[in-house]
Amino acid sequence: MPVPTELNLHRQSRVLEIAYEDGTRFHLPCEYLRVYSPSAEVQGHAPDQRVIQAGKEGVGIDRIEPVGNYAVCLHFDDEHNTGIYSWEYLYRLGVEQEQLWREYLDELEQTGYQRKVRPS
């Protein structure tokens, strides 16, 4: 199981930077982490029950709470805080970021939602 050696929240850019002991480093936007929350509220109890999370472009993380030695709970500023992000799940989100992000954008497009891009 991959274990992080660093976890840095960049509040202004809304990015969680994670470094793992194997040398891998990921920069995961808060929006991406929020829309792929592992909570049942987002994922449902089966793959076909997943709820598309539109309107999360500006979401940030207020705090990060450790959960044992294996995970963190991310407290988002939209009050979502029910997902437990295991080290393994965060690693998977990093490895599959490009593909999962594309799938998310496709899902939004299918619903007709137009993402509002934040100014840099």
PDB file of N, CA and C in Angstrom:
ATOM      1  N   MET A   1       0.848  -1.184   0.000  1.00  0.00           N
ATOM      2  CA  MET A   1       0.000   0.000   0.000  1.00  0.00           C
ATOM      3  C   MET A   1       0.896   1.251   0.000  1.00  0.00           C
ATOM      4  N   PRO A   2       0.638   2.178  -0.901  1.00  0.00           N
ATOM      5  CA  PRO A   2       1.424   3.406  -0.940  1.00  0.00           C
ATOM      6  C   PRO A   2       1.130   4.288   0.277  1.00  0.00           C
ATOM      7  N   VAL A   3       2.182   4.841   0.857  1.00  0.00           N
ATOM      8  CA  VAL A   3       2.040   5.698   2.034  1.00  0.00           C
ATOM      9  C   VAL A   3       2.644   7.064   1.721  1.00  0.00           C
ATOM     10  N   PRO A   4       1.890   8.144   1.966  1.00  0.00           N
ATOM     11  CA  PRO A   4       2.430   9.477   1.686  1.00  0.00           C
ATOM     12  C   PRO A   4       3.498   9.888   2.691  1.00  0.00           C
ATOM     13  N   THR A   5       4.441  10.649   2.202  1.00  0.00           N
ATOM     14  CA  THR A   5       5.479  11.222   3.062  1.00  0.00           C
ATOM     15  C   THR A   5       5.225  12.707   3.279  1.00  0.00           C
ATOM     16  N   GLU A   6       4.383  13.300   2.435  1.00  0.00           N
ATOM     17  CA  GLU A   6       4.057  14.725   2.520  1.00  0.00           C
ATOM     18  C   GLU A   6       2.619  14.941   2.082  1.00  0.00           C
ATOM     19  N   LEU A   7       1.960  15.874   2.720  1.00  0.00           N
ATOM     20  CA  LEU A   7       0.609  16.277   2.351  1.00  0.00           C
ATOM     21  C   LEU A   7       0.567  17.784   2.557  1.00  0.00           C
ATOM     22  N   ASN A   8       0.485  18.552   1.473  1.00  0.00           N
ATOM     23  CA  ASN A   8       0.491  20.009   1.554  1.00  0.00           C
ATOM     24  C   ASN A   8      -0.737  20.577   0.856  1.00  0.00           C
ATOM     25  N   LEU A   9      -1.501  21.367   1.593  1.00  0.00           N
ATOM     26  CA  LEU A   9      -2.670  22.029   1.025  1.00  0.00           C
ATOM     27  C   LEU A   9      -2.262  23.430   0.594  1.00  0.00           C
ATOM     28  N   HIS A  10      -2.407  23.703  -0.682  1.00  0.00           N
ATOM     29  CA  HIS A  10      -2.137  25.035  -1.230  1.00  0.00           C
ATOM     30  C   HIS A  10      -3.499  25.733  -1.357  1.00  0.00           C
ATOM     31  N   ARG A  11      -3.829  26.523  -0.369  1.00  0.00           N
ATOM     32  CA  ARG A  11      -5.174  27.116  -0.294  1.00  0.00           C
ATOM     33  C   ARG A  11      -5.476  28.067  -1.445  1.00  0.00           C
ATOM     34  N   GLN A  12      -4.527  28.904  -1.807  1.00  0.00           N
ATOM     35  CA  GLN A  12      -4.786  29.895  -2.849  1.00  0.00           C
ATOM     36  C   GLN A  12      -5.062  29.223  -4.195  1.00  0.00           C
ATOM     37  N   SER A  13      -4.268  28.234  -4.562  1.00  0.00           N
ATOM     38  CA  SER A  13      -4.473  27.547  -5.845  1.00  0.00           C
ATOM     39  C   SER A  13      -5.468  26.396  -5.724  1.00  0.00           C
ATOM     40  N   ARG A  14      -5.895  26.112  -4.489  1.00  0.00           N
ATOM     41  CA  ARG A  14      -6.864  25.044  -4.228  1.00  0.00           C
ATOM     42  C   ARG A  14      -6.378  23.700  -4.773  1.00  0.00           C
ATOM     43  N   VAL A  15      -5.194  23.337  -4.337  1.00  0.00           N
ATOM     44  CA  VAL A  15      -4.563  22.089  -4.773  1.00  0.00           C
ATOM     45  C   VAL A  15      -3.993  21.374  -3.549  1.00  0.00           C
ATOM     46  N   LEU A  16      -4.216  20.065  -3.486  1.00  0.00           N
ATOM     47  CA  LEU A  16      -3.607  19.241  -2.463  1.00  0.00           C
ATOM     48  C   LEU A  16      -2.431  18.522  -3.104  1.00  0.00           C
ATOM     49  N   GLU A  17      -1.243  18.768  -2.576  1.00  0.00           N
ATOM     50  CA  GLU A  17      -0.028  18.142  -3.095  1.00  0.00           C
ATOM     51  C   GLU A  17       0.307  16.959  -2.195  1.00  0.00           C
ATOM     52  N   ILE A  18       0.500  15.803  -2.817  1.00  0.00           N
ATOM     53  CA  ILE A  18       0.786  14.587  -2.061  1.00  0.00           C
ATOM     54  C   ILE A  18       2.043  13.946  -2.625  1.00  0.00           C
ATOM     55  N   ALA A  19       3.001  13.675  -1.746  1.00  0.00           N
ATOM     56  CA  ALA A  19       4.222  12.961  -2.134  1.00  0.00           C
ATOM     57  C   ALA A  19       4.186  11.597  -1.457  1.00  0.00           C
ATOM     58  N   TYR A  20       4.537  10.568  -2.218  1.00  0.00           N
ATOM     59  CA  TYR A  20       4.549   9.201  -1.689  1.00  0.00           C
ATOM     60  C   TYR A  20       5.971   8.698  -1.550  1.00  0.00           C
ATOM     61  N   GLU A  21       6.125   7.675  -0.723  1.00  0.00           N
ATOM     62  CA  GLU A  21       7.444   7.126  -0.427  1.00  0.00           C
ATOM     63  C   GLU A  21       8.132   6.534  -1.651  1.00  0.00           C
ATOM     64  N   ASP A  22       7.371   6.235  -2.709  1.00  0.00           N
ATOM     65  CA  ASP A  22       7.983   5.698  -3.940  1.00  0.00           C
ATOM     66  C   ASP A  22       8.501   6.816  -4.850  1.00  0.00           C
ATOM     67  N   GLY A  23       8.412   8.080  -4.372  1.00  0.00           N
ATOM     68  CA  GLY A  23       8.891   9.216  -5.150  1.00  0.00           C
ATOM     69  C   GLY A  23       7.827   9.882  -6.006  1.00  0.00           C
ATOM     70  N   THR A  24       6.655   9.287  -6.069  1.00  0.00           N
ATOM     71  CA  THR A  24       5.556   9.850  -6.846  1.00  0.00           C
ATOM     72  C   THR A  24       4.993  11.068  -6.128  1.00  0.00           C
ATOM     73  N   ARG A  25       4.648  12.086  -6.901  1.00  0.00           N
ATOM     74  CA  ARG A  25       4.068  13.316  -6.349  1.00  0.00           C
ATOM     75  C   ARG A  25       2.871  13.696  -7.226  1.00  0.00           C
ATOM     76  N   PHE A  26       1.760  13.996  -6.580  1.00  0.00           N
ATOM     77  CA  PHE A  26       0.548  14.394  -7.294  1.00  0.00           C
ATOM     78  C   PHE A  26       0.109  15.773  -6.828  1.00  0.00           C
ATOM     79  N   HIS A  27      -0.505  16.532  -7.738  1.00  0.00           N
ATOM     80  CA  HIS A  27      -1.120  17.825  -7.443  1.00  0.00           C
ATOM     81  C   HIS A  27      -2.601  17.669  -7.794  1.00  0.00           C
ATOM     82  N   LEU A  28      -3.426  17.469  -6.782  1.00  0.00           N
ATOM     83  CA  LEU A  28      -4.840  17.172  -6.992  1.00  0.00           C
ATOM     84  C   LEU A  28      -5.698  18.384  -6.635  1.00  0.00           C
ATOM     85  N   PRO A  29      -6.372  18.963  -7.636  1.00  0.00           N
ATOM     86  CA  PRO A  29      -7.241  20.116  -7.368  1.00  0.00           C
ATOM     87  C   PRO A  29      -8.373  19.748  -6.406  1.00  0.00           C
ATOM     88  N   CYS A  30      -8.760  20.689  -5.569  1.00  0.00           N
ATOM     89  CA  CYS A  30      -9.848  20.462  -4.615  1.00  0.00           C
ATOM     90  C   CYS A  30     -11.136  20.053  -5.331  1.00  0.00           C
ATOM     91  N   GLU A  31     -11.426  20.680  -6.455  1.00  0.00           N
ATOM     92  CA  GLU A  31     -12.631  20.317  -7.211  1.00  0.00           C
ATOM     93  C   GLU A  31     -12.598  18.843  -7.582  1.00  0.00           C
ATOM     94  N   TYR A  32     -11.476  18.380  -8.077  1.00  0.00           N
ATOM     95  CA  TYR A  32     -11.315  16.967  -8.467  1.00  0.00           C
ATOM     96  C   TYR A  32     -11.527  16.053  -7.261  1.00  0.00           C
ATOM     97  N   LEU A  33     -10.921  16.393  -6.134  1.00  0.00           N
ATOM     98  CA  LEU A  33     -11.086  15.583  -4.931  1.00  0.00           C
ATOM     99  C   LEU A  33     -12.532  15.585  -4.454  1.00  0.00           C
ATOM    100  N   ARG A  34     -13.192  16.724  -4.574  1.00  0.00           N
ATOM    101  CA  ARG A  34     -14.589  16.826  -4.123  1.00  0.00           C
ATOM    102  C   ARG A  34     -15.522  15.995  -4.994  1.00  0.00           C
ATOM    103  N   VAL A  35     -15.345  16.075  -6.320  1.00  0.00           N
ATOM    104  CA  VAL A  35     -16.277  15.361  -7.200  1.00  0.00           C
ATOM    105  C   VAL A  35     -16.021  13.856  -7.207  1.00  0.00           C
ATOM    106  N   TYR A  36     -14.846  13.446  -6.766  1.00  0.00           N
ATOM    107  CA  TYR A  36     -14.550  12.022  -6.639  1.00  0.00           C
ATOM    108  C   TYR A  36     -14.457  11.603  -5.174  1.00  0.00           C
ATOM    109  N   SER A  37     -15.196  12.295  -4.319  1.00  0.00           N
ATOM    110  CA  SER A  37     -15.251  11.915  -2.908  1.00  0.00           C
ATOM    111  C   SER A  37     -15.690  10.457  -2.804  1.00  0.00           C
ATOM    112  N   PRO A  38     -15.037   9.693  -1.934  1.00  0.00           N
ATOM    113  CA  PRO A  38     -15.420   8.287  -1.780  1.00  0.00           C
ATOM    114  C   PRO A  38     -16.681   8.089  -0.935  1.00  0.00           C
ATOM    115  N   SER A  39     -17.334   9.160  -0.528  1.00  0.00           N
ATOM    116  CA  SER A  39     -18.518   9.046   0.330  1.00  0.00           C
ATOM    117  C   SER A  39     -19.685   8.402  -0.418  1.00  0.00           C
ATOM    118  N   ALA A  40     -20.557   7.759   0.326  1.00  0.00           N
ATOM    119  CA  ALA A  40     -21.763   7.166  -0.262  1.00  0.00           C
ATOM    120  C   ALA A  40     -22.665   8.250  -0.842  1.00  0.00           C
ATOM    121  N   GLU A  41     -22.613   9.450  -0.271  1.00  0.00           N
ATOM    122  CA  GLU A  41     -23.395  10.585  -0.759  1.00  0.00           C
ATOM    123  C   GLU A  41     -23.058  10.891  -2.225  1.00  0.00           C
ATOM    124  N   VAL A  42     -21.793  10.695  -2.606  1.00  0.00           N
ATOM    125  CA  VAL A  42     -21.340  10.961  -3.968  1.00  0.00           C
ATOM    126  C   VAL A  42     -21.312   9.679  -4.797  1.00  0.00           C
ATOM    127  N   GLN A  43     -20.728   8.634  -4.254  1.00  0.00           N
ATOM    128  CA  GLN A  43     -20.539   7.380  -4.997  1.00  0.00           C
ATOM    129  C   GLN A  43     -21.767   6.481  -5.017  1.00  0.00           C
ATOM    130  N   GLY A  44     -22.701   6.691  -4.086  1.00  0.00           N
ATOM    131  CA  GLY A  44     -23.829   5.785  -3.977  1.00  0.00           C
ATOM    132  C   GLY A  44     -23.358   4.468  -3.385  1.00  0.00           C
ATOM    133  N   HIS A  45     -24.203   3.472  -3.495  1.00  0.00           N
ATOM    134  CA  HIS A  45     -23.852   2.150  -2.974  1.00  0.00           C
ATOM    135  C   HIS A  45     -23.570   1.169  -4.099  1.00  0.00           C
ATOM    136  N   ALA A  46     -23.616   1.658  -5.329  1.00  0.00           N
ATOM    137  CA  ALA A  46     -23.299   0.855  -6.519  1.00  0.00           C
ATOM    138  C   ALA A  46     -22.849   1.831  -7.604  1.00  0.00           C
ATOM    139  N   PRO A  47     -22.042   1.360  -8.576  1.00  0.00           N
ATOM    140  CA  PRO A  47     -21.521   2.265  -9.614  1.00  0.00           C
ATOM    141  C   PRO A  47     -22.599   3.069 -10.346  1.00  0.00           C
ATOM    142  N   ASP A  48     -23.770   2.484 -10.554  1.00  0.00           N
ATOM    143  CA  ASP A  48     -24.820   3.197 -11.287  1.00  0.00           C
ATOM    144  C   ASP A  48     -25.557   4.215 -10.413  1.00  0.00           C
ATOM    145  N   GLN A  49     -25.176   4.321  -9.143  1.00  0.00           N
ATOM    146  CA  GLN A  49     -25.814   5.275  -8.231  1.00  0.00           C
ATOM    147  C   GLN A  49     -24.965   6.527  -8.009  1.00  0.00           C
ATOM    148  N   ARG A  50     -23.820   6.614  -8.695  1.00  0.00           N
ATOM    149  CA  ARG A  50     -22.924   7.765  -8.522  1.00  0.00           C
ATOM    150  C   ARG A  50     -23.666   9.063  -8.873  1.00  0.00           C
ATOM    151  N   VAL A  51     -23.487  10.093  -8.041  1.00  0.00           N
ATOM    152  CA  VAL A  51     -24.162  11.373  -8.231  1.00  0.00           C
ATOM    153  C   VAL A  51     -23.159  12.371  -8.810  1.00  0.00           C
ATOM    154  N   ILE A  52     -23.471  12.935  -9.974  1.00  0.00           N
ATOM    155  CA  ILE A  52     -22.593  13.922 -10.596  1.00  0.00           C
ATOM    156  C   ILE A  52     -22.584  15.176  -9.736  1.00  0.00           C
ATOM    157  N   GLN A  53     -21.402  15.690  -9.460  1.00  0.00           N
ATOM    158  CA  GLN A  53     -21.220  16.852  -8.590  1.00  0.00           C
ATOM    159  C   GLN A  53     -20.937  18.088  -9.444  1.00  0.00           C
ATOM    160  N   ALA A  54     -21.974  18.777  -9.850  1.00  0.00           N
ATOM    161  CA  ALA A  54     -21.812  19.999 -10.654  1.00  0.00           C
ATOM    162  C   ALA A  54     -21.673  21.204  -9.728  1.00  0.00           C
ATOM    163  N   GLY A  55     -21.026  22.244 -10.227  1.00  0.00           N
ATOM    164  CA  GLY A  55     -20.919  23.492  -9.483  1.00  0.00           C
ATOM    165  C   GLY A  55     -19.855  23.498  -8.398  1.00  0.00           C
ATOM    166  N   LYS A  56     -18.839  22.674  -8.547  1.00  0.00           N
ATOM    167  CA  LYS A  56     -17.796  22.576  -7.523  1.00  0.00           C
ATOM    168  C   LYS A  56     -16.492  23.246  -7.949  1.00  0.00           C
ATOM    169  N   GLU A  57     -16.538  24.107  -8.956  1.00  0.00           N
ATOM    170  CA  GLU A  57     -15.325  24.746  -9.485  1.00  0.00           C
ATOM    171  C   GLU A  57     -14.559  25.541  -8.434  1.00  0.00           C
ATOM    172  N   GLY A  58     -15.252  26.182  -7.527  1.00  0.00           N
ATOM    173  CA  GLY A  58     -14.591  27.043  -6.552  1.00  0.00           C
ATOM    174  C   GLY A  58     -14.413  26.432  -5.177  1.00  0.00           C
ATOM    175  N   VAL A  59     -14.683  25.152  -5.048  1.00  0.00           N
ATOM    176  CA  VAL A  59     -14.607  24.519  -3.733  1.00  0.00           C
ATOM    177  C   VAL A  59     -13.160  24.459  -3.236  1.00  0.00           C
ATOM    178  N   GLY A  60     -13.028  24.620  -1.949  1.00  0.00           N
ATOM    179  CA  GLY A  60     -11.716  24.517  -1.310  1.00  0.00           C
ATOM    180  C   GLY A  60     -11.788  23.537  -0.154  1.00  0.00           C
ATOM    181  N   ILE A  61     -10.661  23.310   0.463  1.00  0.00           N
ATOM    182  CA  ILE A  61     -10.589  22.441   1.632  1.00  0.00           C
ATOM    183  C   ILE A  61     -10.298  23.326   2.838  1.00  0.00           C
ATOM    184  N   ASP A  62     -11.144  23.226   3.865  1.00  0.00           N
ATOM    185  CA  ASP A  62     -10.957  23.989   5.099  1.00  0.00           C
ATOM    186  C   ASP A  62      -9.937  23.330   6.016  1.00  0.00           C
ATOM    187  N   ARG A  63     -10.044  21.997   6.137  1.00  0.00           N
ATOM    188  CA  ARG A  63      -9.093  21.292   6.994  1.00  0.00           C
ATOM    189  C   ARG A  63      -8.993  19.826   6.597  1.00  0.00           C
ATOM    190  N   ILE A  64      -7.903  19.237   7.046  1.00  0.00           N
ATOM    191  CA  ILE A  64      -7.612  17.832   6.769  1.00  0.00           C
ATOM    192  C   ILE A  64      -7.481  17.129   8.109  1.00  0.00           C
ATOM    193  N   GLU A  65      -8.279  16.100   8.308  1.00  0.00           N
ATOM    194  CA  GLU A  65      -8.295  15.381   9.576  1.00  0.00           C
ATOM    195  C   GLU A  65      -7.745  13.964   9.377  1.00  0.00           C
ATOM    196  N   PRO A  66      -6.714  13.575  10.108  1.00  0.00           N
ATOM    197  CA  PRO A  66      -6.190  12.208   9.984  1.00  0.00           C
ATOM    198  C   PRO A  66      -7.231  11.179  10.432  1.00  0.00           C
ATOM    199  N   VAL A  67      -7.224  10.034   9.753  1.00  0.00           N
ATOM    200  CA  VAL A  67      -8.072   8.905  10.139  1.00  0.00           C
ATOM    201  C   VAL A  67      -7.123   7.714  10.308  1.00  0.00           C
ATOM    202  N   GLY A  68      -6.785   7.425  11.531  1.00  0.00           N
ATOM    203  CA  GLY A  68      -5.827   6.352  11.816  1.00  0.00           C
ATOM    204  C   GLY A  68      -4.524   6.595  11.078  1.00  0.00           C
ATOM    205  N   ASN A  69      -3.891   5.519  10.649  1.00  0.00           N
ATOM    206  CA  ASN A  69      -2.639   5.585   9.887  1.00  0.00           C
ATOM    207  C   ASN A  69      -2.860   5.357   8.405  1.00  0.00           C
ATOM    208  N   TYR A  70      -4.110   5.323   7.974  1.00  0.00           N
ATOM    209  CA  TYR A  70      -4.394   4.876   6.621  1.00  0.00           C
ATOM    210  C   TYR A  70      -5.152   5.860   5.739  1.00  0.00           C
ATOM    211  N   ALA A  71      -5.590   7.009   6.285  1.00  0.00           N
ATOM    212  CA  ALA A  71      -6.475   7.874   5.500  1.00  0.00           C
ATOM    213  C   ALA A  71      -6.578   9.265   6.113  1.00  0.00           C
ATOM    214  N   VAL A  72      -7.297  10.128   5.383  1.00  0.00           N
ATOM    215  CA  VAL A  72      -7.675  11.448   5.881  1.00  0.00           C
ATOM    216  C   VAL A  72      -9.134  11.709   5.526  1.00  0.00           C
ATOM    217  N   CYS A  73      -9.736  12.568   6.314  1.00  0.00           N
ATOM    218  CA  CYS A  73     -11.065  13.083   5.994  1.00  0.00           C
ATOM    219  C   CYS A  73     -10.841  14.524   5.559  1.00  0.00           C
ATOM    220  N   LEU A  74     -11.286  14.858   4.370  1.00  0.00           N
ATOM    221  CA  LEU A  74     -11.152  16.213   3.849  1.00  0.00           C
ATOM    222  C   LEU A  74     -12.433  16.978   4.155  1.00  0.00           C
ATOM    223  N   HIS A  75     -12.284  18.108   4.805  1.00  0.00           N
ATOM    224  CA  HIS A  75     -13.425  18.965   5.134  1.00  0.00           C
ATOM    225  C   HIS A  75     -13.454  20.099   4.110  1.00  0.00           C
ATOM    226  N   PHE A  76     -14.400  20.021   3.193  1.00  0.00           N
ATOM    227  CA  PHE A  76     -14.520  21.006   2.119  1.00  0.00           C
ATOM    228  C   PHE A  76     -15.325  22.208   2.598  1.00  0.00           C
ATOM    229  N   ASP A  77     -15.092  23.350   1.967  1.00  0.00           N
ATOM    230  CA  ASP A  77     -15.796  24.561   2.389  1.00  0.00           C
ATOM    231  C   ASP A  77     -17.251  24.615   1.934  1.00  0.00           C
ATOM    232  N   ASP A  78     -17.712  23.593   1.205  1.00  0.00           N
ATOM    233  CA  ASP A  78     -19.143  23.491   0.898  1.00  0.00           C
ATOM    234  C   ASP A  78     -19.842  22.592   1.921  1.00  0.00           C
ATOM    235  N   GLU A  79     -19.131  22.319   3.023  1.00  0.00           N
ATOM    236  CA  GLU A  79     -19.608  21.531   4.158  1.00  0.00           C
ATOM    237  C   GLU A  79     -19.635  20.027   3.920  1.00  0.00           C
ATOM    238  N   HIS A  80     -19.103  19.553   2.805  1.00  0.00           N
ATOM    239  CA  HIS A  80     -18.999  18.107   2.577  1.00  0.00           C
ATOM    240  C   HIS A  80     -17.787  17.602   3.352  1.00  0.00           C
ATOM    241  N   ASN A  81     -17.992  16.563   4.165  1.00  0.00           N
ATOM    242  CA  ASN A  81     -16.885  16.017   4.950  1.00  0.00           C
ATOM    243  C   ASN A  81     -17.101  14.557   5.315  1.00  0.00           C
ATOM    244  N   THR A  82     -17.845  13.837   4.493  1.00  0.00           N
ATOM    245  CA  THR A  82     -18.173  12.449   4.847  1.00  0.00           C
ATOM    246  C   THR A  82     -17.318  11.413   4.122  1.00  0.00           C
ATOM    247  N   GLY A  83     -16.417  11.834   3.259  1.00  0.00           N
ATOM    248  CA  GLY A  83     -15.581  10.872   2.550  1.00  0.00           C
ATOM    249  C   GLY A  83     -14.284  10.594   3.291  1.00  0.00           C
ATOM    250  N   ILE A  84     -13.915   9.330   3.403  1.00  0.00           N
ATOM    251  CA  ILE A  84     -12.633   8.930   3.983  1.00  0.00           C
ATOM    252  C   ILE A  84     -11.705   8.592   2.819  1.00  0.00           C
ATOM    253  N   TYR A  85     -10.669   9.388   2.639  1.00  0.00           N
ATOM    254  CA  TYR A  85      -9.729   9.232   1.530  1.00  0.00           C
ATOM    255  C   TYR A  85      -8.542   8.404   2.012  1.00  0.00           C
ATOM    256  N   SER A  86      -8.533   7.122   1.691  1.00  0.00           N
ATOM    257  CA  SER A  86      -7.402   6.276   2.081  1.00  0.00           C
ATOM    258  C   SER A  86      -6.180   6.667   1.257  1.00  0.00           C
ATOM    259  N   TRP A  87      -4.996   6.329   1.761  1.00  0.00           N
ATOM    260  CA  TRP A  87      -3.767   6.609   1.007  1.00  0.00           C
ATOM    261  C   TRP A  87      -3.830   5.936  -0.353  1.00  0.00           C
ATOM    262  N   GLU A  88      -4.356   4.733  -0.382  1.00  0.00           N
ATOM    263  CA  GLU A  88      -4.464   3.986  -1.635  1.00  0.00           C
ATOM    264  C   GLU A  88      -5.416   4.682  -2.612  1.00  0.00           C
ATOM    265  N   TYR A  89      -6.547   5.182  -2.112  1.00  0.00           N
ATOM    266  CA  TYR A  89      -7.516   5.869  -2.968  1.00  0.00           C
ATOM    267  C   TYR A  89      -6.924   7.171  -3.519  1.00  0.00           C
ATOM    268  N   LEU A  90      -6.227   7.923  -2.670  1.00  0.00           N
ATOM    269  CA  LEU A  90      -5.593   9.157  -3.141  1.00  0.00           C
ATOM    270  C   LEU A  90      -4.533   8.853  -4.202  1.00  0.00           C
ATOM    271  N   TYR A  91      -3.798   7.776  -4.010  1.00  0.00           N
ATOM    272  CA  TYR A  91      -2.788   7.374  -4.995  1.00  0.00           C
ATOM    273  C   TYR A  91      -3.469   7.044  -6.329  1.00  0.00           C
ATOM    274  N   ARG A  92      -4.559   6.296  -6.248  1.00  0.00           N
ATOM    275  CA  ARG A  92      -5.320   5.949  -7.461  1.00  0.00           C
ATOM    276  C   ARG A  92      -5.846   7.210  -8.157  1.00  0.00           C
ATOM    277  N   LEU A  93      -6.362   8.169  -7.375  1.00  0.00           N
ATOM    278  CA  LEU A  93      -6.837   9.425  -7.966  1.00  0.00           C
ATOM    279  C   LEU A  93      -5.702  10.148  -8.683  1.00  0.00           C
ATOM    280  N   GLY A  94      -4.502  10.069  -8.135  1.00  0.00           N
ATOM    281  CA  GLY A  94      -3.350  10.694  -8.783  1.00  0.00           C
ATOM    282  C   GLY A  94      -2.962   9.986 -10.069  1.00  0.00           C
ATOM    283  N   VAL A  95      -2.867   8.679 -10.016  1.00  0.00           N
ATOM    284  CA  VAL A  95      -2.468   7.897 -11.188  1.00  0.00           C
ATOM    285  C   VAL A  95      -3.487   8.027 -12.318  1.00  0.00           C
ATOM    286  N   GLU A  96      -4.759   8.042 -11.971  1.00  0.00           N
ATOM    287  CA  GLU A  96      -5.832   8.048 -12.969  1.00  0.00           C
ATOM    288  C   GLU A  96      -6.421   9.442 -13.192  1.00  0.00           C
ATOM    289  N   GLN A  97      -5.725  10.483 -12.750  1.00  0.00           N
ATOM    290  CA  GLN A  97      -6.270  11.837 -12.773  1.00  0.00           C
ATOM    291  C   GLN A  97      -6.723  12.273 -14.167  1.00  0.00           C
ATOM    292  N   GLU A  98      -5.903  12.085 -15.154  1.00  0.00           N
ATOM    293  CA  GLU A  98      -6.260  12.545 -16.505  1.00  0.00           C
ATOM    294  C   GLU A  98      -7.533  11.869 -17.002  1.00  0.00           C
ATOM    295  N   GLN A  99      -7.602  10.559 -16.867  1.00  0.00           N
ATOM    296  CA  GLN A  99      -8.764   9.808 -17.337  1.00  0.00           C
ATOM    297  C   GLN A  99     -10.019  10.156 -16.538  1.00  0.00           C
ATOM    298  N   LEU A 100      -9.913  10.197 -15.212  1.00  0.00           N
ATOM    299  CA  LEU A 100     -11.081  10.494 -14.382  1.00  0.00           C
ATOM    300  C   LEU A 100     -11.580  11.924 -14.594  1.00  0.00           C
ATOM    301  N   TRP A 101     -10.652  12.859 -14.780  1.00  0.00           N
ATOM    302  CA  TRP A 101     -11.052  14.248 -15.024  1.00  0.00           C
ATOM    303  C   TRP A 101     -11.823  14.349 -16.342  1.00  0.00           C
ATOM    304  N   ARG A 102     -11.333  13.670 -17.357  1.00  0.00           N
ATOM    305  CA  ARG A 102     -12.010  13.666 -18.659  1.00  0.00           C
ATOM    306  C   ARG A 102     -13.418  13.071 -18.524  1.00  0.00           C
ATOM    307  N   GLU A 103     -13.532  11.975 -17.783  1.00  0.00           N
ATOM    308  CA  GLU A 103     -14.844  11.349 -17.571  1.00  0.00           C
ATOM    309  C   GLU A 103     -15.792  12.315 -16.858  1.00  0.00           C
ATOM    310  N   TYR A 104     -15.275  13.029 -15.879  1.00  0.00           N
ATOM    311  CA  TYR A 104     -16.091  14.000 -15.153  1.00  0.00           C
ATOM    312  C   TYR A 104     -16.570  15.109 -16.082  1.00  0.00           C
ATOM    313  N   LEU A 105     -15.661  15.654 -16.882  1.00  0.00           N
ATOM    314  CA  LEU A 105     -16.050  16.714 -17.820  1.00  0.00           C
ATOM    315  C   LEU A 105     -17.075  16.208 -18.826  1.00  0.00           C
ATOM    316  N   ASP A 106     -16.927  14.981 -19.274  1.00  0.00           N
ATOM    317  CA  ASP A 106     -17.901  14.370 -20.194  1.00  0.00           C
ATOM    318  C   ASP A 106     -19.268  14.232 -19.527  1.00  0.00           C
ATOM    319  N   GLU A 107     -19.267  13.811 -18.262  1.00  0.00           N
ATOM    320  CA  GLU A 107     -20.532  13.686 -17.527  1.00  0.00           C
ATOM    321  C   GLU A 107     -21.222  15.045 -17.410  1.00  0.00           C
ATOM    322  N   LEU A 108     -20.458  16.069 -17.089  1.00  0.00           N
ATOM    323  CA  LEU A 108     -21.040  17.403 -16.990  1.00  0.00           C
ATOM    324  C   LEU A 108     -21.632  17.840 -18.319  1.00  0.00           C
ATOM    325  N   GLU A 109     -20.879  17.591 -19.387  1.00  0.00           N
ATOM    326  CA  GLU A 109     -21.347  17.972 -20.719  1.00  0.00           C
ATOM    327  C   GLU A 109     -22.658  17.264 -21.057  1.00  0.00           C
ATOM    328  N   GLN A 110     -22.756  15.988 -20.711  1.00  0.00           N
ATOM    329  CA  GLN A 110     -23.974  15.219 -20.992  1.00  0.00           C
ATOM    330  C   GLN A 110     -25.184  15.770 -20.245  1.00  0.00           C
ATOM    331  N   THR A 111     -24.952  16.376 -19.084  1.00  0.00           N
ATOM    332  CA  THR A 111     -26.069  16.953 -18.326  1.00  0.00           C
ATOM    333  C   THR A 111     -26.405  18.363 -18.803  1.00  0.00           C
ATOM    334  N   GLY A 112     -25.532  18.942 -19.641  1.00  0.00           N
ATOM    335  CA  GLY A 112     -25.750  20.296 -20.122  1.00  0.00           C
ATOM    336  C   GLY A 112     -25.150  21.358 -19.222  1.00  0.00           C
ATOM    337  N   TYR A 113     -24.440  20.947 -18.184  1.00  0.00           N
ATOM    338  CA  TYR A 113     -23.837  21.901 -17.257  1.00  0.00           C
ATOM    339  C   TYR A 113     -22.604  22.533 -17.894  1.00  0.00           C
ATOM    340  N   GLN A 114     -22.493  23.837 -17.793  1.00  0.00           N
ATOM    341  CA  GLN A 114     -21.323  24.574 -18.289  1.00  0.00           C
ATOM    342  C   GLN A 114     -20.441  24.940 -17.101  1.00  0.00           C
ATOM    343  N   ARG A 115     -19.257  24.375 -17.050  1.00  0.00           N
ATOM    344  CA  ARG A 115     -18.319  24.694 -15.977  1.00  0.00           C
ATOM    345  C   ARG A 115     -17.929  26.152 -16.011  1.00  0.00           C
ATOM    346  N   LYS A 116     -17.869  26.771 -14.847  1.00  0.00           N
ATOM    347  CA  LYS A 116     -17.409  28.154 -14.728  1.00  0.00           C
ATOM    348  C   LYS A 116     -15.958  28.109 -14.317  1.00  0.00           C
ATOM    349  N   VAL A 117     -15.086  28.538 -15.191  1.00  0.00           N
ATOM    350  CA  VAL A 117     -13.659  28.501 -14.909  1.00  0.00           C
ATOM    351  C   VAL A 117     -13.289  29.695 -14.062  1.00  0.00           C
ATOM    352  N   ARG A 118     -12.586  29.423 -12.965  1.00  0.00           N
ATOM    353  CA  ARG A 118     -12.135  30.511 -12.091  1.00  0.00           C
ATOM    354  C   ARG A 118     -11.036  31.285 -12.767  1.00  0.00           C
ATOM    355  N   PRO A 119     -11.022  32.604 -12.599  1.00  0.00           N
ATOM    356  CA  PRO A 119      -9.899  33.379 -13.134  1.00  0.00           C
ATOM    357  C   PRO A 119      -8.611  32.990 -12.397  1.00  0.00           C
ATOM    358  N   SER A 120      -7.497  32.982 -13.117  1.00  0.00           N
ATOM    359  CA  SER A 120      -6.210  32.609 -12.501  1.00  0.00           C
ATOM    360  C   SER A 120      -5.662  33.708 -11.644  1.00  0.00           C
TER     361      SER A 120
END
